Amino acid sequence: MHEMGVAQNILDIAVAAAQKEGAHKITRINLIAGELRGVVPMQLSFCFGIVAKDTIASGAYLNIEEMPVTAHCENCSSDFSVEDYQYVCPKCGSTKIQLTGGTELRIKDIEIE
């Protein structure tokens, strides 16, 4: 379960940022997770609750915004969403594409007290 490691990394980053701002409590963490990261939101939230116990993030809400896989066609310059892992331009049928989204995994912002 890689979610436990991801949860621990999120906690470490959030706590360090909150302490730098002099916060006493983290109430919410907004996370952006690309579809290709393979993160299962329910499992990640569960794991985060475990690792956050007895920290300033205990009880914090982990909001996970999932981002779809997107691509750019190098043949016709079309930008599109990849559906069902079909890496083919829907406009011209080219497979010469470059991924532009879906691999993200970052903290968007943190709400603190």
Protein backbone atom coordinates (compact mmCIF):
# COMPACT_ATOMS: atom_id res chain seq x y z
CA MET A 1 0.00 0.00 0.00
CA HIS A 2 1.93 3.03 -1.22
CA GLU A 3 -0.73 5.35 0.21
CA MET A 4 0.88 5.11 3.67
CA GLY A 5 4.17 6.49 2.35
CA VAL A 6 2.37 9.21 0.39
CA ALA A 7 0.35 10.13 3.48
CA GLN A 8 3.51 10.41 5.58
CA ASN A 9 5.15 12.67 2.98
CA ILE A 10 2.06 14.89 2.83
CA LEU A 11 2.04 15.14 6.61
CA ASP A 12 5.76 15.99 6.80
CA ILE A 13 5.44 18.75 4.19
CA ALA A 14 2.26 20.20 5.71
CA VAL A 15 3.57 20.20 9.28
CA ALA A 16 6.84 21.85 8.25
CA ALA A 17 4.97 24.56 6.32
CA ALA A 18 2.48 25.14 9.13
CA GLN A 19 5.18 25.38 11.80
CA LYS A 20 7.10 27.84 9.63
CA GLU A 21 3.99 30.05 9.75
CA GLY A 22 3.63 29.62 13.52
CA ALA A 23 0.45 27.55 13.28
CA HIS A 24 -0.81 25.43 16.15
CA LYS A 25 -3.24 23.33 14.11
CA ILE A 26 -3.78 22.18 10.54
CA THR A 27 -7.49 21.95 9.73
CA ARG A 28 -7.45 21.08 6.05
CA ILE A 29 -5.01 20.05 3.34
CA ASN A 30 -6.00 20.44 -0.30
CA LEU A 31 -4.16 17.97 -2.50
CA ILE A 32 -4.01 17.61 -6.28
CA ALA A 33 -3.54 14.02 -7.46
CA GLY A 34 -3.26 13.03 -11.10
CA GLU A 35 -5.07 9.91 -12.26
CA LEU A 36 -1.82 8.24 -13.31
CA ARG A 37 -0.44 8.41 -9.76
CA GLY A 38 -2.69 5.49 -8.85
CA VAL A 39 -3.71 7.05 -5.55
CA VAL A 40 -6.91 5.62 -4.07
CA PRO A 41 -8.50 8.63 -2.31
CA MET A 42 -10.30 6.63 0.38
CA GLN A 43 -7.15 4.70 1.26
CA LEU A 44 -5.03 7.84 1.26
CA SER A 45 -7.48 9.63 3.57
CA PHE A 46 -7.52 6.63 5.89
CA CYS A 47 -3.71 6.43 5.98
CA PHE A 48 -3.43 10.16 6.52
CA GLY A 49 -5.67 9.90 9.55
CA ILE A 50 -3.36 7.27 11.00
CA VAL A 51 -0.07 9.12 10.42
CA ALA A 52 -1.53 12.48 11.52
CA LYS A 53 -2.60 11.14 14.92
CA ASP A 54 -0.93 13.04 17.79
CA THR A 55 0.38 15.78 15.46
CA ILE A 56 -0.86 19.31 14.72
CA ALA A 57 -2.66 17.78 11.74
CA SER A 58 -4.71 15.36 13.85
CA GLY A 59 -8.31 15.56 12.64
CA ALA A 60 -7.40 17.59 9.56
CA TYR A 61 -9.52 17.04 6.46
CA LEU A 62 -7.58 15.78 3.45
CA ASN A 63 -9.33 17.08 0.34
CA ILE A 64 -8.17 15.24 -2.78
CA GLU A 65 -8.82 16.83 -6.17
CA GLU A 66 -8.27 14.22 -8.86
CA MET A 67 -6.87 15.44 -12.18
CA PRO A 68 -7.59 13.63 -15.44
CA VAL A 69 -4.96 12.50 -17.91
CA THR A 70 -4.51 15.15 -20.60
CA ALA A 71 -2.31 15.26 -23.68
CA HIS A 72 -1.15 17.40 -26.57
CA CYS A 73 -0.94 16.05 -30.13
CA GLU A 74 2.36 16.90 -31.76
CA ASN A 75 0.82 16.25 -35.18
CA CYS A 76 -2.21 18.58 -35.18
CA SER A 77 -1.58 20.60 -31.97
CA SER A 78 -4.84 19.47 -30.41
CA ASP A 79 -5.16 19.34 -26.62
CA PHE A 80 -7.42 16.61 -25.26
CA SER A 81 -8.36 14.39 -22.33
CA VAL A 82 -7.19 10.80 -22.54
CA GLU A 83 -10.17 8.47 -22.17
CA ASP A 84 -9.82 4.82 -21.12
CA TYR A 85 -6.02 5.04 -21.43
CA GLN A 86 -6.28 5.40 -25.22
CA TYR A 87 -3.22 7.48 -26.05
CA VAL A 88 -4.43 8.48 -29.51
CA CYS A 89 -5.43 11.95 -30.67
CA PRO A 90 -9.21 11.98 -31.14
CA LYS A 91 -8.91 14.66 -33.83
CA CYS A 92 -6.31 13.18 -36.21
CA GLY A 93 -5.66 9.65 -34.87
CA SER A 94 -1.96 10.27 -34.25
CA THR A 95 -0.12 8.44 -31.49
CA LYS A 96 2.57 11.12 -31.44
CA ILE A 97 1.32 12.78 -28.27
CA GLN A 98 2.84 14.31 -25.17
CA LEU A 99 1.22 14.01 -21.74
CA THR A 100 0.38 17.37 -20.21
CA GLY A 101 -1.52 16.29 -17.10
CA GLY A 102 -2.45 13.40 -14.90
CA THR A 103 0.90 12.82 -13.19
CA GLU A 104 0.56 15.57 -10.58
CA LEU A 105 0.83 14.93 -6.86
CA ARG A 106 1.17 18.11 -4.85
CA ILE A 107 -0.25 20.04 -1.96
CA LYS A 108 -2.30 22.90 -3.33
CA ASP A 109 -2.73 24.68 -0.01
CA ILE A 110 -3.06 24.18 3.73
CA GLU A 111 -5.60 25.70 6.10
CA ILE A 112 -4.16 26.43 9.53
CA GLU A 113 -5.07 28.01 12.85
